[in-house]
Amino acid sequence: MSRWTRTILHFDLDAFFCSVESLLNPALEGMAFVVGGSADGRGVVSSASYAAREFGIRSAMPTAQALRKAPDLIVISPHHALYRKHSEEIMSFLRDSAPVVEQLSIDEAFLDVSDDPRTGLEVAEFLQGEILEHFKLPTSWGVASNKLVAKIATEVGKPRGLIVVPPGQEAAFLAPLPARMLWGVGPKTEERLAERDIHMIGDIAGMSSRSLIESLGDLGLELASRARGEDDRPVVEGRDPKSMSAERTFNADISDWPELRTVILRLSETVGRRLRKAKLAGYTIRVKVRWPDFATVTRQVRLEQPTDRERIIFDESCELFQGLWKKGQAVRLLGVGVSDLHEPIHQLDLFDREWDRDERLQLAVDSIRNQYGPDSLRRAGGLRKQAAPESDEQLEEDVR
C-alpha cells in the first residue's frame, strides 16, 4: 500500500502593495517604484516593484538608501486600508475554494487540498487564474507535500510563478538552492556555514550529524531535516495572533522623558484597544527600543493574570523602558507589545473593588472612543502641548 501524501499549496501576492498601487494608477506598471515612507524623514520601503528590485532595492531598506540606488525611483505613500480590503477579499475567496486555509500574513497563506480530486497543479492553476481575472492581482504558487517545500517553491517561482515539487522529489528540488532560502538560516548562520564551504541546501543535507552539531549545535540537526525536505506540520485553519504590538519610529531622535512617556501611553492605548476588540488578553508585556545606531533591545515581564488594560500595559511598559534607558539617551523607535494571548480572565479577591471600577471606567472609555474615534478621549498624560502632527511620525501596528 502506498503512503498517503498531503497536497499543500502556498500562495503569495506578488509585490502586493505595489500591485495594488498599479491598479490605482496603471501608468506605474513596469516602473521602478516603492511603497514606503518619505526619505525626508526616516521612512523605509514597505514594498518594491520588480523593476525597482533590479536596482537592489528591497523591503525594509531606508527610503533614502533606495533613492541613492535609483535616483529616479518613484516613492508612494502607503494606503493600508486599501491593502487590507484587497487581502480580506482574496482570503475570503480562498476559504470558499479550499477546505483548510492558514493565513500567514496580509499577502500569504497555506492551503491543504489533499482531499480535492484534482491535482495540486490543477487547483493552483485555477486559483491563480481566478485571482488574476477577478481581483486583477498577480500571485505566485508552490505545490508540494509539505509546507516547507511549498513555500520555498513559491519563492523560486516569483513573480507570477507556479512550481510543483512531486512527492519524493523534495530533497532533489532543494539541493541546488542557496542555503539562505532554508528556514532557520539567517545571515549569521549562513556565514558560519560558508566558513565550512557550505553554500547550498544540498550541502547541509550531506553533512554528517557530528559536523552539524559542531557547527550549529542542535539547530544543525533540525536544518538537516529541513534540507531533506522533511516537514510534518499540518495546515491549521485560521490564524490566532501570538501577540499584538504597536511601534513608532521618530523622524528625529527623542531623549525627553515626558515625551517618551507620552509615546508609551499612546502605544499602550493602541494595544489595549485592539486586544479588547479581539476579546483577548495577554500574560506578557514587552517593550522594544531602537537606539540611533539601529541597535535594538527588548525587555518583557510576565503577569500573574492576563490583561487587556492600557493602564496596566502602560505602567509595566514604563518600568521596563526605564530599566533600559538612561536619562538623556536618544531613542529612534519605541514599541509596546502584549503576547501569550488568551481569553480575558480575572480572579477577584473578596474585597477587590478597584478592578471592578477600572472595568466600568474602561467600558465607558471604549464606548466613547467607538462612537467618536480613538482620539476623542485620552488620559491627561497623553496630551502634549505643541504636539507634532501625527503625520510627522510613522506608526506601525502588528499582529503576529
Foldseek 3Di string as FASTA:
>chain_A
DDDQFWKKKKKFFALQQVQVVCVVPVVCVPPWEFEWDDLLFFMWGQGTDVNLCVLVHDGPHTPVVSCVSPVVYHYHYTDVVVLQVLLVVLVVVVVVLAVAWADDDSTIIMGTRRVPPDHSQVSVVVSQVVCCVPVVTHMFMAIERDDQQGVLQRVVQPDNYYYYQYPPCSLVVQFAAFLCSGPPCDPVNCVLCVVVVHTGLNSLLPDDPVVQCVRPNPVSVVSNCVSNVDDDDDRHHYDDFQKKKKKKFARDWDQDVLVVLLVLLVRLLVQLLVCVVVQKFAQKKKKWFAAPVRDIDMDMDGHPFTDSDSVVNSVVRVVRVVVVDDHRGTTGMIMMMGGPMDHHDDDDDPPPVVVVVSVVVVVVLSVVCVVVNPPPDDDPSNDDDPDDDPVNMDMDIDTD
